[in-house]
Amino acid sequence: MRRILALVLIALFACSCILAQAAVEQQSTAQKSEIVVFAAASMTETLTAIKGLYEKENPDVEIVYNFDSSGTLKTQIEQGAECDLFISAAQKQMNALADRNLIDRATRVDLLENRTTLAVPKGNPKGIRSFDELAELLREGKVLLAIGNSDVPVGQYTQKIFAYYGIDENAIKSNLSYASNVKEVTTQVSSSSVDCGIIYATDAFSAGLEVVDTATKEMTGGRVIYPAAVLTAGRNDDRARAFLEYLKGAEARKVFESVGFAYAL
């Protein structure tokens, strides 16, 4: 009888310890400040790494990301989606939000610079060597190219490259494979479902793809800048400002530069 009573007491003690630990963890989670960040899909790897670094230094903060094309994110914000900080892959989407007073203009900063590149699958089956060569192959209908949709920054840079070469996009549609964001373009190239794709240098690096050419500023209509700003309707603007400041700092810089981003500050 005593042995049974002892086992019951031990079991009760163990249960109480488990419940107490769960209560502590629940309280700890409840006390965390959540920062919702909408960011261009091309920042997925870098910002995920930075999240770990930042939360380690700030255990009372939890970073929640929403990665997609800048155009899609802009639309979500305009429709009232909860967001504290927005980082776009182009000025166009940020300008649209600024025009509607949805960002805190005082916090807006040109954070990063990327490059638009021509990437090929492993082994480069078509032997493509440059944008010049790509232009000729497109005119001849001899290549399948993956590009972003027109509402995606990388797609908009691609349209400028077409304009630079005097290429009519409508005339070569059968040679184009469209994607809703740069990660989808990258996946098409990685899987060899296309002959080549126009993506950012950072995405090519992260995916281990070969870059055969890099577009000049003349080809893309200027620098590929990533602006960032705190949202006016954000729930946690002080925390968002602090995180944005961290993104400008030395620790974040190491992560960004490791994949090919350059600071535009």
C-alpha atoms as a PDB file:
ATOM      1  CA  MET A   1       0.000   0.000   0.000  1.00  0.00           C
ATOM      2  CA  ARG A   2       2.815   2.395   0.902  1.00  0.00           C
ATOM      3  CA  ARG A   3       4.538   1.616  -2.383  1.00  0.00           C
ATOM      4  CA  ILE A   4       1.395   2.431  -4.366  1.00  0.00           C
ATOM      5  CA  LEU A   5       0.958   5.666  -2.411  1.00  0.00           C
ATOM      6  CA  ALA A   6       4.569   6.625  -3.143  1.00  0.00           C
ATOM      7  CA  LEU A   7       4.118   5.983  -6.851  1.00  0.00           C
ATOM      8  CA  VAL A   8       0.968   8.093  -6.883  1.00  0.00           C
ATOM      9  CA  LEU A   9       2.765  10.959  -5.139  1.00  0.00           C
ATOM     10  CA  ILE A  10       5.674  10.762  -7.593  1.00  0.00           C
ATOM     11  CA  ALA A  11       3.261  10.825 -10.539  1.00  0.00           C
ATOM     12  CA  LEU A  12       1.415  13.813  -9.087  1.00  0.00           C
ATOM     13  CA  PHE A  13       4.706  15.640  -8.528  1.00  0.00           C
ATOM     14  CA  ALA A  14       5.813  14.963 -12.095  1.00  0.00           C
ATOM     15  CA  CYS A  15       2.507  16.209 -13.482  1.00  0.00           C
ATOM     16  CA  SER A  16       2.726  19.375 -11.415  1.00  0.00           C
ATOM     17  CA  CYS A  17       6.235  20.031 -12.718  1.00  0.00           C
ATOM     18  CA  ILE A  18       5.100  19.570 -16.322  1.00  0.00           C
ATOM     19  CA  LEU A  19       2.122  21.887 -15.806  1.00  0.00           C
ATOM     20  CA  ALA A  20       4.312  24.491 -14.136  1.00  0.00           C
ATOM     21  CA  GLN A  21       6.827  24.393 -16.983  1.00  0.00           C
ATOM     22  CA  ALA A  22       4.033  24.707 -19.555  1.00  0.00           C
ATOM     23  CA  ALA A  23       2.648  27.692 -17.677  1.00  0.00           C
ATOM     24  CA  VAL A  24       6.079  29.360 -17.641  1.00  0.00           C
ATOM     25  CA  GLU A  25       6.553  28.746 -21.379  1.00  0.00           C
ATOM     26  CA  GLN A  26       3.065  30.040 -22.142  1.00  0.00           C
ATOM     27  CA  GLN A  27       3.682  33.153 -20.055  1.00  0.00           C
ATOM     28  CA  SER A  28       7.055  33.692 -21.769  1.00  0.00           C
ATOM     29  CA  THR A  29       5.442  33.420 -25.201  1.00  0.00           C
ATOM     30  CA  ALA A  30       2.638  35.752 -24.209  1.00  0.00           C
ATOM     31  CA  GLN A  31       5.141  38.381 -23.102  1.00  0.00           C
ATOM     32  CA  LYS A  32       6.938  38.463 -26.440  1.00  0.00           C
ATOM     33  CA  SER A  33       6.426  41.427 -28.758  1.00  0.00           C
ATOM     34  CA  GLU A  34       5.588  40.315 -32.292  1.00  0.00           C
ATOM     35  CA  ILE A  35       6.978  42.242 -35.270  1.00  0.00           C
ATOM     36  CA  VAL A  36       5.299  41.431 -38.584  1.00  0.00           C
ATOM     37  CA  VAL A  37       7.629  41.992 -41.528  1.00  0.00           C
ATOM     38  CA  PHE A  38       6.526  41.855 -45.171  1.00  0.00           C
ATOM     39  CA  ALA A  39       9.592  41.345 -47.363  1.00  0.00           C
ATOM     40  CA  ALA A  40      10.467  40.589 -50.978  1.00  0.00           C
ATOM     41  CA  ALA A  41      10.825  36.859 -51.700  1.00  0.00           C
ATOM     42  CA  SER A  42      14.469  37.360 -52.681  1.00  0.00           C
ATOM     43  CA  MET A  43      15.247  38.116 -49.022  1.00  0.00           C
ATOM     44  CA  THR A  44      13.960  34.804 -47.660  1.00  0.00           C
ATOM     45  CA  GLU A  45      17.316  33.212 -46.814  1.00  0.00           C
ATOM     46  CA  THR A  46      19.000  36.308 -45.417  1.00  0.00           C
ATOM     47  CA  LEU A  47      16.118  37.549 -43.288  1.00  0.00           C
ATOM     48  CA  THR A  48      15.501  34.046 -41.925  1.00  0.00           C
ATOM     49  CA  ALA A  49      19.118  33.936 -40.757  1.00  0.00           C
ATOM     50  CA  ILE A  50      18.855  37.437 -39.294  1.00  0.00           C
ATOM     51  CA  LYS A  51      15.697  36.459 -37.395  1.00  0.00           C
ATOM     52  CA  GLY A  52      17.698  33.911 -35.406  1.00  0.00           C
ATOM     53  CA  LEU A  53      20.411  36.436 -34.593  1.00  0.00           C
ATOM     54  CA  TYR A  54      17.988  39.169 -33.589  1.00  0.00           C
ATOM     55  CA  GLU A  55      15.743  36.999 -31.442  1.00  0.00           C
ATOM     56  CA  LYS A  56      18.784  35.609 -29.632  1.00  0.00           C
ATOM     57  CA  GLU A  57      19.778  39.154 -28.672  1.00  0.00           C
ATOM     58  CA  ASN A  58      16.153  40.151 -28.008  1.00  0.00           C
ATOM     59  CA  PRO A  59      14.401  37.154 -26.401  1.00  0.00           C
ATOM     60  CA  ASP A  60      11.285  39.239 -25.758  1.00  0.00           C
ATOM     61  CA  VAL A  61      10.739  39.733 -29.515  1.00  0.00           C
ATOM     62  CA  GLU A  62       9.388  37.394 -32.177  1.00  0.00           C
ATOM     63  CA  ILE A  63       9.845  38.236 -35.868  1.00  0.00           C
ATOM     64  CA  VAL A  64       7.047  36.985 -38.114  1.00  0.00           C
ATOM     65  CA  TYR A  65       7.739  37.106 -41.864  1.00  0.00           C
ATOM     66  CA  ASN A  66       5.540  37.181 -44.931  1.00  0.00           C
ATOM     67  CA  PHE A  67       7.656  36.614 -48.055  1.00  0.00           C
ATOM     68  CA  ASP A  68       6.223  37.143 -51.542  1.00  0.00           C
ATOM     69  CA  SER A  69       6.565  39.378 -54.571  1.00  0.00           C
ATOM     70  CA  SER A  70       6.659  43.068 -53.662  1.00  0.00           C
ATOM     71  CA  GLY A  71       3.547  43.670 -55.758  1.00  0.00           C
ATOM     72  CA  THR A  72       1.560  41.031 -53.885  1.00  0.00           C
ATOM     73  CA  LEU A  73       2.745  42.359 -50.521  1.00  0.00           C
ATOM     74  CA  LYS A  74       1.815  45.918 -51.509  1.00  0.00           C
ATOM     75  CA  THR A  75      -1.694  44.802 -52.390  1.00  0.00           C
ATOM     76  CA  GLN A  76      -2.058  42.920 -49.105  1.00  0.00           C
ATOM     77  CA  ILE A  77      -1.015  46.022 -47.154  1.00  0.00           C
ATOM     78  CA  GLU A  78      -3.425  48.201 -49.126  1.00  0.00           C
ATOM     79  CA  GLN A  79      -6.196  45.740 -48.259  1.00  0.00           C
ATOM     80  CA  GLY A  80      -5.478  46.076 -44.549  1.00  0.00           C
ATOM     81  CA  ALA A  81      -3.149  43.173 -43.805  1.00  0.00           C
ATOM     82  CA  GLU A  82      -1.358  43.416 -40.470  1.00  0.00           C
ATOM     83  CA  CYS A  83       2.204  44.604 -41.093  1.00  0.00           C
ATOM     84  CA  ASP A  84       4.766  46.578 -39.100  1.00  0.00           C
ATOM     85  CA  LEU A  85       7.672  46.794 -41.560  1.00  0.00           C
ATOM     86  CA  PHE A  86       7.795  46.533 -45.353  1.00  0.00           C
ATOM     87  CA  ILE A  87      10.905  45.816 -47.437  1.00  0.00           C
ATOM     88  CA  SER A  88      10.358  45.979 -51.185  1.00  0.00           C
ATOM     89  CA  ALA A  89      12.572  44.837 -54.059  1.00  0.00           C
ATOM     90  CA  ALA A  90      11.828  48.062 -55.951  1.00  0.00           C
ATOM     91  CA  GLN A  91      10.831  51.675 -55.371  1.00  0.00           C
ATOM     92  CA  LYS A  92       7.549  51.403 -57.294  1.00  0.00           C
ATOM     93  CA  GLN A  93       5.692  49.423 -54.641  1.00  0.00           C
ATOM     94  CA  MET A  94       7.008  51.554 -51.788  1.00  0.00           C
ATOM     95  CA  ASN A  95       6.079  54.732 -53.657  1.00  0.00           C
ATOM     96  CA  ALA A  96       2.523  53.446 -54.092  1.00  0.00           C
ATOM     97  CA  LEU A  97       2.183  52.931 -50.343  1.00  0.00           C
ATOM     98  CA  ALA A  98       3.725  56.327 -49.644  1.00  0.00           C
ATOM     99  CA  ASP A  99       1.175  57.969 -51.952  1.00  0.00           C
ATOM    100  CA  ARG A 100      -1.578  56.496 -49.770  1.00  0.00           C
ATOM    101  CA  ASN A 101       0.167  57.551 -46.531  1.00  0.00           C
ATOM    102  CA  LEU A 102       0.538  53.918 -45.476  1.00  0.00           C
ATOM    103  CA  ILE A 103       4.213  54.226 -44.530  1.00  0.00           C
ATOM    104  CA  ASP A 104       6.013  56.444 -42.054  1.00  0.00           C
ATOM    105  CA  ARG A 105       8.030  58.545 -44.495  1.00  0.00           C
ATOM    106  CA  ALA A 106      10.547  59.487 -41.793  1.00  0.00           C
ATOM    107  CA  THR A 107      11.610  55.842 -41.491  1.00  0.00           C
ATOM    108  CA  ARG A 108      11.940  55.146 -45.217  1.00  0.00           C
ATOM    109  CA  VAL A 109      15.452  54.157 -46.239  1.00  0.00           C
ATOM    110  CA  ASP A 110      17.145  52.662 -49.286  1.00  0.00           C
ATOM    111  CA  LEU A 111      18.521  49.621 -47.498  1.00  0.00           C
ATOM    112  CA  LEU A 112      20.084  47.259 -50.027  1.00  0.00           C
ATOM    113  CA  GLU A 113      21.194  46.957 -53.636  1.00  0.00           C
ATOM    114  CA  ASN A 114      20.950  43.822 -55.751  1.00  0.00           C
ATOM    115  CA  ARG A 115      21.836  42.947 -59.354  1.00  0.00           C
ATOM    116  CA  THR A 116      19.702  41.503 -62.131  1.00  0.00           C
ATOM    117  CA  THR A 117      21.369  38.493 -63.717  1.00  0.00           C
ATOM    118  CA  LEU A 118      20.969  35.859 -66.409  1.00  0.00           C
ATOM    119  CA  ALA A 119      21.194  32.427 -64.782  1.00  0.00           C
ATOM    120  CA  VAL A 120      21.308  28.991 -66.394  1.00  0.00           C
ATOM    121  CA  PRO A 121      20.677  25.397 -65.212  1.00  0.00           C
ATOM    122  CA  LYS A 122      23.512  23.089 -64.286  1.00  0.00           C
ATOM    123  CA  GLY A 123      25.712  22.422 -67.305  1.00  0.00           C
ATOM    124  CA  ASN A 124      24.183  25.307 -69.284  1.00  0.00           C
ATOM    125  CA  PRO A 125      22.694  22.950 -71.949  1.00  0.00           C
ATOM    126  CA  LYS A 126      22.002  25.790 -74.397  1.00  0.00           C
ATOM    127  CA  GLY A 127      25.470  27.262 -73.988  1.00  0.00           C
ATOM    128  CA  ILE A 128      24.076  30.755 -73.385  1.00  0.00           C
ATOM    129  CA  ARG A 129      26.817  33.248 -72.553  1.00  0.00           C
ATOM    130  CA  SER A 130      25.272  36.729 -72.371  1.00  0.00           C
ATOM    131  CA  PHE A 131      22.181  38.937 -72.548  1.00  0.00           C
ATOM    132  CA  ASP A 132      23.266  39.877 -76.083  1.00  0.00           C
ATOM    133  CA  GLU A 133      23.125  36.234 -77.107  1.00  0.00           C
ATOM    134  CA  LEU A 134      19.834  35.722 -75.270  1.00  0.00           C
ATOM    135  CA  ALA A 135      18.262  38.573 -77.228  1.00  0.00           C
ATOM    136  CA  GLU A 136      19.165  36.928 -80.514  1.00  0.00           C
ATOM    137  CA  LEU A 137      17.938  33.506 -79.386  1.00  0.00           C
ATOM    138  CA  LEU A 138      14.618  35.011 -78.315  1.00  0.00           C
ATOM    139  CA  ARG A 139      14.148  36.704 -81.676  1.00  0.00           C
ATOM    140  CA  GLU A 140      14.877  33.377 -83.380  1.00  0.00           C
ATOM    141  CA  GLY A 141      12.557  31.459 -81.055  1.00  0.00           C
ATOM    142  CA  LYS A 142      15.345  29.118 -79.973  1.00  0.00           C
ATOM    143  CA  VAL A 143      15.251  29.471 -76.194  1.00  0.00           C
ATOM    144  CA  LEU A 144      12.799  29.140 -73.280  1.00  0.00           C
ATOM    145  CA  LEU A 145      13.283  31.927 -70.744  1.00  0.00           C
ATOM    146  CA  ALA A 146      11.746  32.111 -67.240  1.00  0.00           C
ATOM    147  CA  ILE A 147      10.788  35.610 -66.085  1.00  0.00           C
ATOM    148  CA  GLY A 148       8.697  37.273 -63.394  1.00  0.00           C
ATOM    149  CA  ASN A 149       5.198  38.578 -64.061  1.00  0.00           C
ATOM    150  CA  SER A 150       4.769  42.264 -64.848  1.00  0.00           C
ATOM    151  CA  ASP A 151       3.653  43.071 -61.280  1.00  0.00           C
ATOM    152  CA  VAL A 152       6.844  41.591 -59.837  1.00  0.00           C
ATOM    153  CA  PRO A 153       9.962  43.805 -59.575  1.00  0.00           C
ATOM    154  CA  VAL A 154      12.229  41.240 -61.241  1.00  0.00           C
ATOM    155  CA  GLY A 155       9.650  41.032 -64.045  1.00  0.00           C
ATOM    156  CA  GLN A 156       9.629  44.802 -64.354  1.00  0.00           C
ATOM    157  CA  TYR A 157      13.422  44.862 -64.609  1.00  0.00           C
ATOM    158  CA  THR A 158      13.136  42.156 -67.272  1.00  0.00           C
ATOM    159  CA  GLN A 159      10.724  44.315 -69.267  1.00  0.00           C
ATOM    160  CA  LYS A 160      13.297  47.112 -69.186  1.00  0.00           C
ATOM    161  CA  ILE A 161      15.936  44.705 -70.477  1.00  0.00           C
ATOM    162  CA  PHE A 162      13.590  43.743 -73.327  1.00  0.00           C
ATOM    163  CA  ALA A 163      13.078  47.434 -74.102  1.00  0.00           C
ATOM    164  CA  TYR A 164      16.853  47.973 -74.074  1.00  0.00           C
ATOM    165  CA  TYR A 165      17.222  45.303 -76.783  1.00  0.00           C
ATOM    166  CA  GLY A 166      14.137  46.437 -78.690  1.00  0.00           C
ATOM    167  CA  ILE A 167      12.344  43.141 -78.029  1.00  0.00           C
ATOM    168  CA  ASP A 168       8.540  43.014 -78.282  1.00  0.00           C
ATOM    169  CA  GLU A 169       7.433  40.805 -75.396  1.00  0.00           C
ATOM    170  CA  ASN A 170       4.163  39.921 -77.107  1.00  0.00           C
ATOM    171  CA  ALA A 171       6.050  38.620 -80.101  1.00  0.00           C
ATOM    172  CA  ILE A 172       8.082  36.129 -78.034  1.00  0.00           C
ATOM    173  CA  LYS A 173       5.476  34.934 -75.509  1.00  0.00           C
ATOM    174  CA  SER A 174       5.781  31.334 -76.697  1.00  0.00           C
ATOM    175  CA  ASN A 175       9.400  31.466 -75.561  1.00  0.00           C
ATOM    176  CA  LEU A 176       8.612  32.799 -72.086  1.00  0.00           C
ATOM    177  CA  SER A 177       7.664  31.015 -68.882  1.00  0.00           C
ATOM    178  CA  TYR A 178       6.127  33.362 -66.295  1.00  0.00           C
ATOM    179  CA  ALA A 179       6.306  33.194 -62.501  1.00  0.00           C
ATOM    180  CA  SER A 180       4.625  35.081 -59.666  1.00  0.00           C
ATOM    181  CA  ASN A 181       7.875  35.857 -57.815  1.00  0.00           C
ATOM    182  CA  VAL A 182      11.621  35.542 -58.223  1.00  0.00           C
ATOM    183  CA  LYS A 183      11.794  32.316 -56.201  1.00  0.00           C
ATOM    184  CA  GLU A 184       9.504  30.623 -58.715  1.00  0.00           C
ATOM    185  CA  VAL A 185      11.730  31.796 -61.564  1.00  0.00           C
ATOM    186  CA  THR A 186      14.750  30.427 -59.677  1.00  0.00           C
ATOM    187  CA  THR A 187      13.021  27.072 -59.182  1.00  0.00           C
ATOM    188  CA  GLN A 188      12.297  26.785 -62.904  1.00  0.00           C
ATOM    189  CA  VAL A 189      15.961  27.330 -63.697  1.00  0.00           C
ATOM    190  CA  SER A 190      17.168  24.972 -60.945  1.00  0.00           C
ATOM    191  CA  SER A 191      14.883  22.201 -62.202  1.00  0.00           C
ATOM    192  CA  SER A 192      16.059  22.703 -65.805  1.00  0.00           C
ATOM    193  CA  SER A 193      12.461  23.190 -66.942  1.00  0.00           C
ATOM    194  CA  VAL A 194      13.693  26.261 -68.846  1.00  0.00           C
ATOM    195  CA  ASP A 195      16.902  27.123 -70.665  1.00  0.00           C
ATOM    196  CA  CYS A 196      17.629  30.181 -68.546  1.00  0.00           C
ATOM    197  CA  GLY A 197      16.010  32.758 -66.278  1.00  0.00           C
ATOM    198  CA  ILE A 198      16.364  36.384 -65.254  1.00  0.00           C
ATOM    199  CA  ILE A 199      16.765  36.534 -61.470  1.00  0.00           C
ATOM    200  CA  TYR A 200      18.670  38.472 -58.821  1.00  0.00           C
ATOM    201  CA  ALA A 201      22.310  37.732 -58.100  1.00  0.00           C
ATOM    202  CA  THR A 202      21.428  36.813 -54.502  1.00  0.00           C
ATOM    203  CA  ASP A 203      18.879  34.195 -55.578  1.00  0.00           C
ATOM    204  CA  ALA A 204      21.351  32.680 -58.031  1.00  0.00           C
ATOM    205  CA  PHE A 205      23.918  32.469 -55.230  1.00  0.00           C
ATOM    206  CA  SER A 206      21.493  30.891 -52.746  1.00  0.00           C
ATOM    207  CA  ALA A 207      20.347  28.320 -55.325  1.00  0.00           C
ATOM    208  CA  GLY A 208      23.875  27.546 -56.525  1.00  0.00           C
ATOM    209  CA  LEU A 209      23.087  28.572 -60.104  1.00  0.00           C
ATOM    210  CA  GLU A 210      25.583  29.686 -62.717  1.00  0.00           C
ATOM    211  CA  VAL A 211      25.345  33.364 -63.675  1.00  0.00           C
ATOM    212  CA  VAL A 212      26.452  33.987 -67.264  1.00  0.00           C
ATOM    213  CA  ASP A 213      25.802  37.748 -67.378  1.00  0.00           C
ATOM    214  CA  THR A 214      24.786  40.688 -65.210  1.00  0.00           C
ATOM    215  CA  ALA A 215      22.553  43.503 -66.460  1.00  0.00           C
ATOM    216  CA  THR A 216      23.975  47.012 -66.406  1.00  0.00           C
ATOM    217  CA  LYS A 217      22.157  50.002 -64.917  1.00  0.00           C
ATOM    218  CA  GLU A 218      21.440  51.168 -68.458  1.00  0.00           C
ATOM    219  CA  MET A 219      19.678  47.891 -69.182  1.00  0.00           C
ATOM    220  CA  THR A 220      17.505  47.913 -66.045  1.00  0.00           C
ATOM    221  CA  GLY A 221      16.828  51.640 -65.976  1.00  0.00           C
ATOM    222  CA  GLY A 222      18.901  52.267 -62.860  1.00  0.00           C
ATOM    223  CA  ARG A 223      20.066  50.538 -59.703  1.00  0.00           C
ATOM    224  CA  VAL A 224      18.129  47.633 -58.177  1.00  0.00           C
ATOM    225  CA  ILE A 225      17.325  49.174 -54.796  1.00  0.00           C
ATOM    226  CA  TYR A 226      15.438  47.632 -51.864  1.00  0.00           C
ATOM    227  CA  PRO A 227      13.683  50.339 -49.817  1.00  0.00           C
ATOM    228  CA  ALA A 228      12.330  49.695 -46.314  1.00  0.00           C
ATOM    229  CA  ALA A 229       9.853  51.579 -44.138  1.00  0.00           C
ATOM    230  CA  VAL A 230       7.742  51.208 -41.013  1.00  0.00           C
ATOM    231  CA  LEU A 231       3.981  51.120 -41.629  1.00  0.00           C
ATOM    232  CA  THR A 232       1.770  53.864 -40.188  1.00  0.00           C
ATOM    233  CA  ALA A 233      -0.898  51.348 -39.169  1.00  0.00           C
ATOM    234  CA  GLY A 234       1.542  48.909 -37.575  1.00  0.00           C
ATOM    235  CA  ARG A 235       0.761  47.687 -34.063  1.00  0.00           C
ATOM    236  CA  ASN A 236       4.363  47.704 -32.910  1.00  0.00           C
ATOM    237  CA  ASP A 237       6.085  50.624 -34.601  1.00  0.00           C
ATOM    238  CA  ASP A 238       8.719  51.175 -31.881  1.00  0.00           C
ATOM    239  CA  ARG A 239       9.869  47.564 -32.127  1.00  0.00           C
ATOM    240  CA  ALA A 240       9.723  47.751 -35.925  1.00  0.00           C
ATOM    241  CA  ARG A 241      11.940  50.844 -35.884  1.00  0.00           C
ATOM    242  CA  ALA A 242      14.426  49.041 -33.652  1.00  0.00           C
ATOM    243  CA  PHE A 243      14.512  46.037 -35.991  1.00  0.00           C
ATOM    244  CA  LEU A 244      15.000  48.298 -39.008  1.00  0.00           C
ATOM    245  CA  GLU A 245      17.954  49.908 -37.232  1.00  0.00           C
ATOM    246  CA  TYR A 246      19.367  46.426 -36.633  1.00  0.00           C
ATOM    247  CA  LEU A 247      19.065  45.671 -40.351  1.00  0.00           C
ATOM    248  CA  LYS A 248      21.317  48.670 -40.998  1.00  0.00           C
ATOM    249  CA  GLY A 249      23.951  47.424 -38.572  1.00  0.00           C
ATOM    250  CA  ALA A 250      27.111  45.333 -38.758  1.00  0.00           C
ATOM    251  CA  GLU A 251      25.647  41.921 -37.847  1.00  0.00           C
ATOM    252  CA  ALA A 252      22.886  42.083 -40.447  1.00  0.00           C
ATOM    253  CA  ARG A 253      25.324  43.487 -42.981  1.00  0.00           C
ATOM    254  CA  LYS A 254      27.480  40.362 -42.739  1.00  0.00           C
ATOM    255  CA  VAL A 255      24.484  38.186 -43.577  1.00  0.00           C
ATOM    256  CA  PHE A 256      23.298  40.326 -46.474  1.00  0.00           C
ATOM    257  CA  GLU A 257      26.740  40.694 -48.034  1.00  0.00           C
ATOM    258  CA  SER A 258      27.441  36.957 -47.715  1.00  0.00           C
ATOM    259  CA  VAL A 259      24.923  36.245 -50.515  1.00  0.00           C
ATOM    260  CA  GLY A 260      25.718  39.212 -52.708  1.00  0.00           C
ATOM    261  CA  PHE A 261      23.620  42.092 -51.439  1.00  0.00           C
ATOM    262  CA  ALA A 262      25.348  45.466 -51.202  1.00  0.00           C
ATOM    263  CA  TYR A 263      24.332  48.164 -48.751  1.00  0.00           C
ATOM    264  CA  ALA A 264      22.704  51.173 -50.408  1.00  0.00           C
ATOM    265  CA  LEU A 265      22.924  53.307 -47.248  1.00  0.00           C
END
